[in-house]
Every structure is written in structure tokens, then in C-alpha cells.
């Protein structure tokens, strides 16, 4: 599947390394959880990314759900306006490692990569 085709099916893209990491973290929680991704006001560039596990029972009709081989990423539609096309990656590098957000909608990002502006 090409990235363009995948984007049409999934508004938020997840690299293989990020998928492995979130599945590993989910397994340590000991329950069936989804990953909620969104934005909120704040951060050095105006908006900051948020990401946390939550119970699948909290998925509402106002959410879009993207399935990755049984693992669900959930995003509310208001946040998706700012995140559509986001690539979530993960690196285990000693310096600069962790989750990384590549947002095609961002006109500016902060140095740490955890906030953005549009």
C-alpha cells in the first residue's frame, strides 16, 4: 500500500517502530487500550501534541478511529483538523530518542518537537 493510499484510509500514520513501541507499552498496561492522539493549546509554538492510552469504551461518535492490525489510534475530529497526515515515529536513540511527530500542517515547530503552530 502506498503512503498516499494509506493516508486516505488512516488520517494519522504510524511507523513500524512506533507501532512496536506503543504495542509494547500497551502490553505493560495489561489491558486492551487504544492510543488517543490530539492537540491542546499551549507549548512554545502555540499548540502541543497530546498522546495517552485510554480504554476503548471512551471512544465516541466524535472520534475517528484508525486501525493498525488490531491496535487502534483515536483522534477527535477537532484535533484531526490540525493532525491529518501526521506521521508518528519512534526512535530509541540515546540523544533525541522517543516519539517524534512529523506534521505536514505545522507552519512552525519548537526545538523539542512537542509543540507546533499553524
PDB file of N, CA and C in Angstrom:
ATOM      1  N   UNK A   1       0.851  -1.171   0.000  1.00  0.00           N
ATOM      2  CA  UNK A   1       0.000   0.000   0.000  1.00  0.00           C
ATOM      3  C   UNK A   1       0.899   1.237   0.000  1.00  0.00           C
ATOM      4  N   UNK A   2       0.632   2.187  -0.884  1.00  0.00           N
ATOM      5  CA  UNK A   2       1.441   3.403  -0.920  1.00  0.00           C
ATOM      6  C   UNK A   2       1.068   4.305   0.241  1.00  0.00           C
ATOM      7  N   UNK A   3       1.963   5.245   0.569  1.00  0.00           N
ATOM      8  CA  UNK A   3       1.683   6.136   1.695  1.00  0.00           C
ATOM      9  C   UNK A   3       0.453   6.991   1.409  1.00  0.00           C
ATOM     10  N   UNK A   4       0.234   7.410   0.157  1.00  0.00           N
ATOM     11  CA  UNK A   4      -0.950   8.208  -0.189  1.00  0.00           C
ATOM     12  C   UNK A   4      -2.221   7.403   0.025  1.00  0.00           C
ATOM     13  N   UNK A   5      -2.220   6.142  -0.392  1.00  0.00           N
ATOM     14  CA  UNK A   5      -3.379   5.280  -0.195  1.00  0.00           C
ATOM     15  C   UNK A   5      -3.601   5.036   1.292  1.00  0.00           C
ATOM     16  N   UNK A   6      -2.514   4.803   2.015  1.00  0.00           N
ATOM     17  CA  UNK A   6      -2.623   4.568   3.449  1.00  0.00           C
ATOM     18  C   UNK A   6      -3.193   5.793   4.152  1.00  0.00           C
ATOM     19  N   UNK A   7      -2.773   6.995   3.726  1.00  0.00           N
ATOM     20  CA  UNK A   7      -3.270   8.229   4.331  1.00  0.00           C
ATOM     21  C   UNK A   7      -4.763   8.375   4.108  1.00  0.00           C
ATOM     22  N   UNK A   8      -5.269   7.963   2.942  1.00  0.00           N
ATOM     23  CA  UNK A   8      -6.702   8.045   2.687  1.00  0.00           C
ATOM     24  C   UNK A   8      -7.470   7.151   3.663  1.00  0.00           C
ATOM     25  N   UNK A   9      -6.883   6.043   4.067  1.00  0.00           N
ATOM     26  CA  UNK A   9      -7.536   5.124   4.982  1.00  0.00           C
ATOM     27  C   UNK A   9      -7.253   5.473   6.440  1.00  0.00           C
ATOM     28  N   UNK A  10      -6.120   6.125   6.703  1.00  0.00           N
ATOM     29  CA  UNK A  10      -5.715   6.456   8.069  1.00  0.00           C
ATOM     30  C   UNK A  10      -5.222   7.901   8.091  1.00  0.00           C
ATOM     31  N   UNK A  11      -5.921   8.758   8.783  1.00  0.00           N
ATOM     32  CA  UNK A  11      -5.539  10.158   8.843  1.00  0.00           C
ATOM     33  C   UNK A  11      -4.287  10.402   9.654  1.00  0.00           C
ATOM     34  N   UNK A  12      -3.919   9.448  10.503  1.00  0.00           N
ATOM     35  CA  UNK A  12      -2.683   9.528  11.273  1.00  0.00           C
ATOM     36  C   UNK A  12      -1.857   8.301  10.932  1.00  0.00           C
ATOM     37  N   UNK A  13      -0.632   8.541  10.491  1.00  0.00           N
ATOM     38  CA  UNK A  13       0.247   7.447  10.079  1.00  0.00           C
ATOM     39  C   UNK A  13       1.168   7.056  11.226  1.00  0.00           C
ATOM     40  N   UNK A  14       1.497   5.793  11.289  1.00  0.00           N
ATOM     41  CA  UNK A  14       2.310   5.239  12.362  1.00  0.00           C
ATOM     42  C   UNK A  14       3.418   4.403  11.735  1.00  0.00           C
ATOM     43  N   UNK A  15       4.657   4.707  12.069  1.00  0.00           N
ATOM     44  CA  UNK A  15       5.771   3.915  11.538  1.00  0.00           C
ATOM     45  C   UNK A  15       5.786   2.552  12.226  1.00  0.00           C
ATOM     46  N   UNK A  16       6.494   1.613  11.623  1.00  0.00           N
ATOM     47  CA  UNK A  16       6.610   0.276  12.213  1.00  0.00           C
ATOM     48  C   UNK A  16       7.248   0.349  13.601  1.00  0.00           C
ATOM     49  N   UNK A  17       8.275   1.179  13.772  1.00  0.00           N
ATOM     50  CA  UNK A  17       8.934   1.279  15.079  1.00  0.00           C
ATOM     51  C   UNK A  17       8.002   1.895  16.116  1.00  0.00           C
ATOM     52  N   UNK A  18       7.186   2.876  15.721  1.00  0.00           N
ATOM     53  CA  UNK A  18       6.224   3.470  16.654  1.00  0.00           C
ATOM     54  C   UNK A  18       5.146   2.450  17.021  1.00  0.00           C
ATOM     55  N   UNK A  19       4.693   1.666  16.044  1.00  0.00           N
ATOM     56  CA  UNK A  19       3.684   0.643  16.325  1.00  0.00           C
ATOM     57  C   UNK A  19       4.231  -0.398  17.299  1.00  0.00           C
ATOM     58  N   UNK A  20       5.452  -0.841  17.092  1.00  0.00           N
ATOM     59  CA  UNK A  20       6.066  -1.802  18.024  1.00  0.00           C
ATOM     60  C   UNK A  20       6.135  -1.217  19.434  1.00  0.00           C
ATOM     61  N   UNK A  21       6.528   0.051  19.537  1.00  0.00           N
ATOM     62  CA  UNK A  21       6.678   0.676  20.848  1.00  0.00           C
ATOM     63  C   UNK A  21       5.332   0.844  21.557  1.00  0.00           C
ATOM     64  N   UNK A  22       4.307   1.319  20.849  1.00  0.00           N
ATOM     65  CA  UNK A  22       3.014   1.503  21.518  1.00  0.00           C
ATOM     66  C   UNK A  22       2.392   0.158  21.891  1.00  0.00           C
ATOM     67  N   UNK A  23       2.599  -0.860  21.066  1.00  0.00           N
ATOM     68  CA  UNK A  23       2.096  -2.191  21.430  1.00  0.00           C
ATOM     69  C   UNK A  23       2.822  -2.730  22.658  1.00  0.00           C
ATOM     70  N   UNK A  24       4.122  -2.470  22.756  1.00  0.00           N
ATOM     71  CA  UNK A  24       4.893  -2.887  23.923  1.00  0.00           C
ATOM     72  C   UNK A  24       4.394  -2.170  25.173  1.00  0.00           C
ATOM     73  N   UNK A  25       4.190  -0.869  25.063  1.00  0.00           N
ATOM     74  CA  UNK A  25       3.683  -0.091  26.205  1.00  0.00           C
ATOM     75  C   UNK A  25       2.275  -0.516  26.583  1.00  0.00           C
ATOM     76  N   UNK A  26       1.448  -0.796  25.578  1.00  0.00           N
ATOM     77  CA  UNK A  26       0.088  -1.260  25.824  1.00  0.00           C
ATOM     78  C   UNK A  26       0.112  -2.595  26.577  1.00  0.00           C
ATOM     79  N   UNK A  27       1.012  -3.493  26.174  1.00  0.00           N
ATOM     80  CA  UNK A  27       1.126  -4.797  26.830  1.00  0.00           C
ATOM     81  C   UNK A  27       1.495  -4.677  28.294  1.00  0.00           C
ATOM     82  N   UNK A  28       2.296  -3.687  28.636  1.00  0.00           N
ATOM     83  CA  UNK A  28       2.682  -3.468  30.032  1.00  0.00           C
ATOM     84  C   UNK A  28       1.521  -2.947  30.875  1.00  0.00           C
ATOM     85  N   UNK A  29       0.521  -2.355  30.218  1.00  0.00           N
ATOM     86  CA  UNK A  29      -0.656  -1.856  30.932  1.00  0.00           C
ATOM     87  C   UNK A  29      -1.574  -3.012  31.341  1.00  0.00           C
ATOM     88  N   UNK A  30      -1.472  -4.129  30.625  1.00  0.00           N
ATOM     89  CA  UNK A  30      -2.244  -5.307  30.979  1.00  0.00           C
ATOM     90  C   UNK A  30      -3.708  -5.275  30.603  1.00  0.00           C
ATOM     91  N   UNK A  31      -4.090  -4.393  29.700  1.00  0.00           N
ATOM     92  CA  UNK A  31      -5.483  -4.360  29.266  1.00  0.00           C
ATOM     93  C   UNK A  31      -5.576  -3.859  27.833  1.00  0.00           C
ATOM     94  N   UNK A  32      -6.750  -4.016  27.251  1.00  0.00           N
ATOM     95  CA  UNK A  32      -6.969  -3.615  25.876  1.00  0.00           C
ATOM     96  C   UNK A  32      -7.231  -2.109  25.822  1.00  0.00           C
ATOM     97  N   UNK A  33      -6.226  -1.348  25.444  1.00  0.00           N
ATOM     98  CA  UNK A  33      -6.326   0.099  25.398  1.00  0.00           C
ATOM     99  C   UNK A  33      -6.070   0.603  23.990  1.00  0.00           C
ATOM    100  N   UNK A  34      -6.602   1.778  23.689  1.00  0.00           N
ATOM    101  CA  UNK A  34      -6.297   2.439  22.424  1.00  0.00           C
ATOM    102  C   UNK A  34      -5.379   3.619  22.732  1.00  0.00           C
ATOM    103  N   UNK A  35      -4.796   4.178  21.705  1.00  0.00           N
ATOM    104  CA  UNK A  35      -3.932   5.339  21.860  1.00  0.00           C
ATOM    105  C   UNK A  35      -4.693   6.562  21.370  1.00  0.00           C
ATOM    106  N   UNK A  36      -4.941   7.503  22.285  1.00  0.00           N
ATOM    107  CA  UNK A  36      -5.603   8.750  21.908  1.00  0.00           C
ATOM    108  C   UNK A  36      -4.537   9.794  21.604  1.00  0.00           C
ATOM    109  N   UNK A  37      -4.653  10.394  20.413  1.00  0.00           N
ATOM    110  CA  UNK A  37      -3.738  11.437  19.971  1.00  0.00           C
ATOM    111  C   UNK A  37      -4.574  12.687  19.729  1.00  0.00           C
ATOM    112  N   UNK A  38      -4.054  13.831  20.162  1.00  0.00           N
ATOM    113  CA  UNK A  38      -4.790  15.075  19.974  1.00  0.00           C
ATOM    114  C   UNK A  38      -3.886  16.283  20.144  1.00  0.00           C
ATOM    115  N   UNK A  39      -4.501  17.446  20.181  1.00  0.00           N
ATOM    116  CA  UNK A  39      -3.774  18.690  20.395  1.00  0.00           C
ATOM    117  C   UNK A  39      -4.476  19.481  21.493  1.00  0.00           C
ATOM    118  N   UNK A  40      -3.715  20.384  22.109  1.00  0.00           N
ATOM    119  CA  UNK A  40      -4.287  21.323  23.069  1.00  0.00           C
ATOM    120  C   UNK A  40      -3.502  22.627  22.959  1.00  0.00           C
ATOM    121  N   UNK A  41      -4.112  23.690  23.425  1.00  0.00           N
ATOM    122  CA  UNK A  41      -3.447  24.988  23.427  1.00  0.00           C
ATOM    123  C   UNK A  41      -2.259  24.937  24.372  1.00  0.00           C
ATOM    124  N   UNK A  42      -1.167  25.561  23.984  1.00  0.00           N
ATOM    125  CA  UNK A  42      -0.001  25.624  24.854  1.00  0.00           C
ATOM    126  C   UNK A  42       1.256  25.181  24.132  1.00  0.00           C
ATOM    127  N   UNK A  43       2.334  25.144  24.868  1.00  0.00           N
ATOM    128  CA  UNK A  43       3.610  24.786  24.278  1.00  0.00           C
ATOM    129  C   UNK A  43       4.286  26.018  23.711  1.00  0.00           C
ATOM    130  N   UNK A  44       5.531  25.895  23.353  1.00  0.00           N
ATOM    131  CA  UNK A  44       6.295  27.060  22.881  1.00  0.00           C
ATOM    132  C   UNK A  44       5.840  27.584  21.536  1.00  0.00           C
ATOM    133  N   UNK A  45       5.160  26.785  20.743  1.00  0.00           N
ATOM    134  CA  UNK A  45       4.752  27.224  19.405  1.00  0.00           C
ATOM    135  C   UNK A  45       3.255  27.469  19.281  1.00  0.00           C
ATOM    136  N   UNK A  46       2.507  27.350  20.364  1.00  0.00           N
ATOM    137  CA  UNK A  46       1.075  27.649  20.334  1.00  0.00           C
ATOM    138  C   UNK A  46       0.164  26.465  20.576  1.00  0.00           C
ATOM    139  N   UNK A  47       0.509  25.295  20.042  1.00  0.00           N
ATOM    140  CA  UNK A  47      -0.289  24.090  20.248  1.00  0.00           C
ATOM    141  C   UNK A  47       0.662  22.950  20.589  1.00  0.00           C
ATOM    142  N   UNK A  48       0.239  22.083  21.491  1.00  0.00           N
ATOM    143  CA  UNK A  48       1.101  20.957  21.831  1.00  0.00           C
ATOM    144  C   UNK A  48       0.372  19.649  21.557  1.00  0.00           C
ATOM    145  N   UNK A  49       1.173  18.648  21.238  1.00  0.00           N
ATOM    146  CA  UNK A  49       0.638  17.318  20.982  1.00  0.00           C
ATOM    147  C   UNK A  49       0.310  16.653  22.313  1.00  0.00           C
ATOM    148  N   UNK A  50      -0.736  15.851  22.312  1.00  0.00           N
ATOM    149  CA  UNK A  50      -1.028  15.012  23.472  1.00  0.00           C
ATOM    150  C   UNK A  50      -1.228  13.587  22.983  1.00  0.00           C
ATOM    151  N   UNK A  51      -0.839  12.666  23.834  1.00  0.00           N
ATOM    152  CA  UNK A  51      -0.893  11.261  23.455  1.00  0.00           C
ATOM    153  C   UNK A  51      -0.960  10.460  24.741  1.00  0.00           C
ATOM    154  N   UNK A  52      -1.960   9.581  24.853  1.00  0.00           N
ATOM    155  CA  UNK A  52      -2.095   8.763  26.052  1.00  0.00           C
ATOM    156  C   UNK A  52      -2.967   7.550  25.736  1.00  0.00           C
ATOM    157  N   UNK A  53      -2.782   6.507  26.516  1.00  0.00           N
ATOM    158  CA  UNK A  53      -3.636   5.339  26.390  1.00  0.00           C
ATOM    159  C   UNK A  53      -4.957   5.606  27.099  1.00  0.00           C
ATOM    160  N   UNK A  54      -6.029   5.032  26.562  1.00  0.00           N
ATOM    161  CA  UNK A  54      -7.312   5.091  27.248  1.00  0.00           C
ATOM    162  C   UNK A  54      -8.133   3.861  26.882  1.00  0.00           C
ATOM    163  N   UNK A  55      -9.109   3.583  27.702  1.00  0.00           N
ATOM    164  CA  UNK A  55      -9.988   2.449  27.492  1.00  0.00           C
ATOM    165  C   UNK A  55     -10.812   2.664  26.222  1.00  0.00           C
ATOM    166  N   UNK A  56     -10.988   1.612  25.459  1.00  0.00           N
ATOM    167  CA  UNK A  56     -11.731   1.720  24.197  1.00  0.00           C
ATOM    168  C   UNK A  56     -13.193   2.108  24.417  1.00  0.00           C
ATOM    169  N   UNK A  57     -13.715   1.936  25.630  1.00  0.00           N
ATOM    170  CA  UNK A  57     -15.101   2.317  25.907  1.00  0.00           C
ATOM    171  C   UNK A  57     -15.296   3.828  25.856  1.00  0.00           C
ATOM    172  N   UNK A  58     -14.210   4.609  25.862  1.00  0.00           N
ATOM    173  CA  UNK A  58     -14.299   6.073  25.826  1.00  0.00           C
ATOM    174  C   UNK A  58     -14.317   6.632  24.403  1.00  0.00           C
ATOM    175  N   UNK A  59     -14.261   5.753  23.402  1.00  0.00           N
ATOM    176  CA  UNK A  59     -14.356   6.204  22.010  1.00  0.00           C
ATOM    177  C   UNK A  59     -15.784   6.684  21.767  1.00  0.00           C
ATOM    178  N   UNK A  60     -15.922   7.889  21.188  1.00  0.00           N
ATOM    179  CA  UNK A  60     -17.247   8.466  20.954  1.00  0.00           C
ATOM    180  C   UNK A  60     -17.504   8.621  19.456  1.00  0.00           C
ATOM    181  N   UNK A  61     -18.707   9.058  19.128  1.00  0.00           N
ATOM    182  CA  UNK A  61     -19.081   9.292  17.730  1.00  0.00           C
ATOM    183  C   UNK A  61     -18.314  10.471  17.139  1.00  0.00           C
ATOM    184  N   UNK A  62     -17.734  11.333  17.982  1.00  0.00           N
ATOM    185  CA  UNK A  62     -16.956  12.483  17.513  1.00  0.00           C
ATOM    186  C   UNK A  62     -15.493  12.124  17.263  1.00  0.00           C
ATOM    187  N   UNK A  63     -15.140  10.865  17.399  1.00  0.00           N
ATOM    188  CA  UNK A  63     -13.766  10.412  17.195  1.00  0.00           C
ATOM    189  C   UNK A  63     -13.617   9.695  15.862  1.00  0.00           C
ATOM    190  N   UNK A  64     -12.441   9.830  15.281  1.00  0.00           N
ATOM    191  CA  UNK A  64     -12.055   8.994  14.154  1.00  0.00           C
ATOM    192  C   UNK A  64     -11.120   7.927  14.697  1.00  0.00           C
ATOM    193  N   UNK A  65     -11.297   6.702  14.232  1.00  0.00           N
ATOM    194  CA  UNK A  65     -10.508   5.569  14.716  1.00  0.00           C
ATOM    195  C   UNK A  65      -9.734   4.985  13.541  1.00  0.00           C
ATOM    196  N   UNK A  66      -8.429   4.821  13.742  1.00  0.00           N
ATOM    197  CA  UNK A  66      -7.551   4.263  12.714  1.00  0.00           C
ATOM    198  C   UNK A  66      -6.992   2.952  13.245  1.00  0.00           C
ATOM    199  N   UNK A  67      -7.176   1.893  12.483  1.00  0.00           N
ATOM    200  CA  UNK A  67      -6.784   0.561  12.918  1.00  0.00           C
ATOM    201  C   UNK A  67      -5.440   0.165  12.323  1.00  0.00           C
ATOM    202  N   UNK A  68      -4.558  -0.313  13.172  1.00  0.00           N
ATOM    203  CA  UNK A  68      -3.252  -0.829  12.768  1.00  0.00           C
ATOM    204  C   UNK A  68      -3.144  -2.264  13.271  1.00  0.00           C
ATOM    205  N   UNK A  69      -3.598  -3.201  12.455  1.00  0.00           N
ATOM    206  CA  UNK A  69      -3.537  -4.632  12.802  1.00  0.00           C
ATOM    207  C   UNK A  69      -4.116  -4.902  14.188  1.00  0.00           C
ATOM    208  N   UNK A  70      -5.282  -4.327  14.453  1.00  0.00           N
ATOM    209  CA  UNK A  70      -5.953  -4.550  15.729  1.00  0.00           C
ATOM    210  C   UNK A  70      -5.650  -3.508  16.795  1.00  0.00           C
ATOM    211  N   UNK A  71      -4.618  -2.714  16.597  1.00  0.00           N
ATOM    212  CA  UNK A  71      -4.309  -1.632  17.532  1.00  0.00           C
ATOM    213  C   UNK A  71      -4.987  -0.359  17.026  1.00  0.00           C
ATOM    214  N   UNK A  72      -5.712   0.324  17.911  1.00  0.00           N
ATOM    215  CA  UNK A  72      -6.491   1.481  17.494  1.00  0.00           C
ATOM    216  C   UNK A  72      -5.851   2.796  17.941  1.00  0.00           C
ATOM    217  N   UNK A  73      -5.782   3.731  16.998  1.00  0.00           N
ATOM    218  CA  UNK A  73      -5.415   5.103  17.294  1.00  0.00           C
ATOM    219  C   UNK A  73      -6.691   5.923  17.164  1.00  0.00           C
ATOM    220  N   UNK A  74      -6.973   6.740  18.164  1.00  0.00           N
ATOM    221  CA  UNK A  74      -8.200   7.522  18.216  1.00  0.00           C
ATOM    222  C   UNK A  74      -7.842   9.001  18.241  1.00  0.00           C
ATOM    223  N   UNK A  75      -8.592   9.797  17.487  1.00  0.00           N
ATOM    224  CA  UNK A  75      -8.369  11.240  17.456  1.00  0.00           C
ATOM    225  C   UNK A  75      -9.722  11.928  17.311  1.00  0.00           C
ATOM    226  N   UNK A  76      -9.978  12.930  18.150  1.00  0.00           N
ATOM    227  CA  UNK A  76     -11.219  13.685  17.999  1.00  0.00           C
ATOM    228  C   UNK A  76     -11.128  14.517  16.723  1.00  0.00           C
ATOM    229  N   UNK A  77     -12.261  14.798  16.130  1.00  0.00           N
ATOM    230  CA  UNK A  77     -12.284  15.442  14.812  1.00  0.00           C
ATOM    231  C   UNK A  77     -11.724  16.865  14.831  1.00  0.00           C
ATOM    232  N   UNK A  78     -11.866  17.571  15.932  1.00  0.00           N
ATOM    233  CA  UNK A  78     -11.304  18.927  16.010  1.00  0.00           C
ATOM    234  C   UNK A  78      -9.777  18.864  15.958  1.00  0.00           C
ATOM    235  N   UNK A  79      -9.190  17.941  16.718  1.00  0.00           N
ATOM    236  CA  UNK A  79      -7.735  17.780  16.682  1.00  0.00           C
ATOM    237  C   UNK A  79      -7.265  17.292  15.325  1.00  0.00           C
ATOM    238  N   UNK A  80      -8.067  16.442  14.682  1.00  0.00           N
ATOM    239  CA  UNK A  80      -7.669  15.877  13.396  1.00  0.00           C
ATOM    240  C   UNK A  80      -7.531  16.956  12.322  1.00  0.00           C
ATOM    241  N   UNK A  81      -8.230  18.070  12.482  1.00  0.00           N
ATOM    242  CA  UNK A  81      -8.062  19.190  11.546  1.00  0.00           C
ATOM    243  C   UNK A  81      -6.609  19.658  11.528  1.00  0.00           C
ATOM    244  N   UNK A  82      -5.926  19.576  12.667  1.00  0.00           N
ATOM    245  CA  UNK A  82      -4.536  20.000  12.779  1.00  0.00           C
ATOM    246  C   UNK A  82      -3.542  18.852  12.580  1.00  0.00           C
ATOM    247  N   UNK A  83      -4.034  17.620  12.690  1.00  0.00           N
ATOM    248  CA  UNK A  83      -3.133  16.463  12.674  1.00  0.00           C
ATOM    249  C   UNK A  83      -3.248  15.586  11.434  1.00  0.00           C
ATOM    250  N   UNK A  84      -4.187  15.857  10.540  1.00  0.00           N
ATOM    251  CA  UNK A  84      -4.388  14.976   9.391  1.00  0.00           C
ATOM    252  C   UNK A  84      -3.093  14.862   8.584  1.00  0.00           C
ATOM    253  N   UNK A  85      -2.641  13.658   8.404  1.00  0.00           N
ATOM    254  CA  UNK A  85      -1.396  13.398   7.685  1.00  0.00           C
ATOM    255  C   UNK A  85      -0.184  13.276   8.598  1.00  0.00           C
ATOM    256  N   UNK A  86      -0.397  13.409   9.907  1.00  0.00           N
ATOM    257  CA  UNK A  86       0.688  13.301  10.886  1.00  0.00           C
ATOM    258  C   UNK A  86       1.373  11.943  10.790  1.00  0.00           C
ATOM    259  N   UNK A  87       2.684  11.943  10.827  1.00  0.00           N
ATOM    260  CA  UNK A  87       3.460  10.704  10.906  1.00  0.00           C
ATOM    261  C   UNK A  87       4.030  10.620  12.310  1.00  0.00           C
ATOM    262  N   UNK A  88       3.673   9.574  13.026  1.00  0.00           N
ATOM    263  CA  UNK A  88       4.200   9.328  14.362  1.00  0.00           C
ATOM    264  C   UNK A  88       5.279   8.264  14.234  1.00  0.00           C
ATOM    265  N   UNK A  89       6.478   8.613  14.664  1.00  0.00           N
ATOM    266  CA  UNK A  89       7.621   7.716  14.564  1.00  0.00           C
ATOM    267  C   UNK A  89       8.206   7.518  15.958  1.00  0.00           C
ATOM    268  N   UNK A  90       9.066   6.532  16.090  1.00  0.00           N
ATOM    269  CA  UNK A  90       9.728   6.279  17.367  1.00  0.00           C
ATOM    270  C   UNK A  90      11.184   5.914  17.102  1.00  0.00           C
ATOM    271  N   UNK A  91      12.051   6.485  17.931  1.00  0.00           N
ATOM    272  CA  UNK A  91      13.475   6.167  17.847  1.00  0.00           C
ATOM    273  C   UNK A  91      13.973   5.853  19.247  1.00  0.00           C
ATOM    274  N   UNK A  92      14.847   4.849  19.357  1.00  0.00           N
ATOM    275  CA  UNK A  92      15.421   4.528  20.665  1.00  0.00           C
ATOM    276  C   UNK A  92      16.844   5.071  20.791  1.00  0.00           C
ATOM    277  N   UNK A  93      17.154   6.115  20.017  1.00  0.00           N
ATOM    278  CA  UNK A  93      18.473   6.743  20.073  1.00  0.00           C
ATOM    279  C   UNK A  93      18.707   7.332  21.463  1.00  0.00           C
ATOM    280  N   UNK A  94      19.960   7.319  21.906  1.00  0.00           N
ATOM    281  CA  UNK A  94      20.308   7.847  23.216  1.00  0.00           C
ATOM    282  C   UNK A  94      20.006   9.345  23.315  1.00  0.00           C
ATOM    283  N   UNK A  95      20.298  10.076  22.262  1.00  0.00           N
ATOM    284  CA  UNK A  95      20.025  11.510  22.238  1.00  0.00           C
ATOM    285  C   UNK A  95      18.973  11.760  21.172  1.00  0.00           C
ATOM    286  N   UNK A  96      17.897  12.406  21.561  1.00  0.00           N
ATOM    287  CA  UNK A  96      16.828  12.716  20.606  1.00  0.00           C
ATOM    288  C   UNK A  96      15.872  11.573  20.373  1.00  0.00           C
ATOM    289  N   UNK A  97      15.937  10.536  21.194  1.00  0.00           N
ATOM    290  CA  UNK A  97      15.045   9.391  21.022  1.00  0.00           C
ATOM    291  C   UNK A  97      13.659   9.669  21.577  1.00  0.00           C
ATOM    292  N   UNK A  98      12.773   8.726  21.376  1.00  0.00           N
ATOM    293  CA  UNK A  98      11.394   8.836  21.829  1.00  0.00           C
ATOM    294  C   UNK A  98      10.462   8.988  20.648  1.00  0.00           C
ATOM    295  N   UNK A  99       9.233   9.378  20.936  1.00  0.00           N
ATOM    296  CA  UNK A  99       8.247   9.573  19.877  1.00  0.00           C
ATOM    297  C   UNK A  99       8.511  10.901  19.178  1.00  0.00           C
ATOM    298  N   UNK A 100       8.370  10.865  17.859  1.00  0.00           N
ATOM    299  CA  UNK A 100       8.593  12.059  17.049  1.00  0.00           C
ATOM    300  C   UNK A 100       7.386  12.285  16.155  1.00  0.00           C
ATOM    301  N   UNK A 101       6.970  13.548  16.080  1.00  0.00           N
ATOM    302  CA  UNK A 101       5.813  13.940  15.304  1.00  0.00           C
ATOM    303  C   UNK A 101       6.269  14.693  14.059  1.00  0.00           C
ATOM    304  N   UNK A 102       5.825  14.233  12.887  1.00  0.00           N
ATOM    305  CA  UNK A 102       6.063  14.961  11.645  1.00  0.00           C
ATOM    306  C   UNK A 102       4.693  15.368  11.128  1.00  0.00           C
ATOM    307  N   UNK A 103       4.403  16.669  11.262  1.00  0.00           N
ATOM    308  CA  UNK A 103       3.073  17.180  10.962  1.00  0.00           C
ATOM    309  C   UNK A 103       3.112  18.066   9.715  1.00  0.00           C
ATOM    310  N   UNK A 104       2.479  17.628   8.619  1.00  0.00           N
ATOM    311  CA  UNK A 104       2.502  18.427   7.394  1.00  0.00           C
ATOM    312  C   UNK A 104       1.697  19.721   7.510  1.00  0.00           C
ATOM    313  N   UNK A 105       0.883  19.862   8.548  1.00  0.00           N
ATOM    314  CA  UNK A 105       0.051  21.047   8.729  1.00  0.00           C
ATOM    315  C   UNK A 105       0.750  22.130   9.536  1.00  0.00           C
ATOM    316  N   UNK A 106       1.880  21.816  10.146  1.00  0.00           N
ATOM    317  CA  UNK A 106       2.577  22.764  11.011  1.00  0.00           C
ATOM    318  C   UNK A 106       3.376  23.765  10.190  1.00  0.00           C
ATOM    319  N   UNK A 107       3.192  25.040  10.488  1.00  0.00           N
ATOM    320  CA  UNK A 107       3.999  26.065   9.824  1.00  0.00           C
ATOM    321  C   UNK A 107       5.253  26.369  10.634  1.00  0.00           C
ATOM    322  N   UNK A 108       5.241  25.997  11.908  1.00  0.00           N
ATOM    323  CA  UNK A 108       6.418  26.144  12.763  1.00  0.00           C
ATOM    324  C   UNK A 108       6.388  25.067  13.837  1.00  0.00           C
ATOM    325  N   UNK A 109       7.547  24.661  14.292  1.00  0.00           N
ATOM    326  CA  UNK A 109       7.647  23.693  15.380  1.00  0.00           C
ATOM    327  C   UNK A 109       8.696  24.191  16.370  1.00  0.00           C
ATOM    328  N   UNK A 110       8.595  23.711  17.591  1.00  0.00           N
ATOM    329  CA  UNK A 110       9.583  24.100  18.591  1.00  0.00           C
ATOM    330  C   UNK A 110      10.800  23.175  18.479  1.00  0.00           C
ATOM    331  N   UNK A 111      11.841  23.523  19.190  1.00  0.00           N
ATOM    332  CA  UNK A 111      13.075  22.738  19.135  1.00  0.00           C
ATOM    333  C   UNK A 111      12.912  21.324  19.641  1.00  0.00           C
ATOM    334  N   UNK A 112      12.043  21.130  20.642  1.00  0.00           N
ATOM    335  CA  UNK A 112      11.871  19.783  21.194  1.00  0.00           C
ATOM    336  C   UNK A 112      10.938  18.923  20.350  1.00  0.00           C
ATOM    337  N   UNK A 113      10.185  19.543  19.440  1.00  0.00           N
ATOM    338  CA  UNK A 113       9.295  18.792  18.549  1.00  0.00           C
ATOM    339  C   UNK A 113       7.985  18.377  19.172  1.00  0.00           C
ATOM    340  N   UNK A 114       7.669  18.894  20.359  1.00  0.00           N
ATOM    341  CA  UNK A 114       6.425  18.507  21.042  1.00  0.00           C
ATOM    342  C   UNK A 114       5.321  19.536  20.894  1.00  0.00           C
ATOM    343  N   UNK A 115       5.612  20.672  20.253  1.00  0.00           N
ATOM    344  CA  UNK A 115       4.569  21.658  20.004  1.00  0.00           C
ATOM    345  C   UNK A 115       4.753  22.237  18.602  1.00  0.00           C
ATOM    346  N   UNK A 116       3.699  22.895  18.109  1.00  0.00           N
ATOM    347  CA  UNK A 116       3.699  23.399  16.744  1.00  0.00           C
ATOM    348  C   UNK A 116       2.757  24.577  16.622  1.00  0.00           C
ATOM    349  N   UNK A 117       2.854  25.276  15.532  1.00  0.00           N
ATOM    350  CA  UNK A 117       1.933  26.362  15.196  1.00  0.00           C
ATOM    351  C   UNK A 117       1.444  26.172  13.775  1.00  0.00           C
ATOM    352  N   UNK A 118       0.263  26.734  13.495  1.00  0.00           N
ATOM    353  CA  UNK A 118      -0.314  26.637  12.147  1.00  0.00           C
ATOM    354  C   UNK A 118      -0.563  28.013  11.583  1.00  0.00           C
TER     355      UNK A 118
END
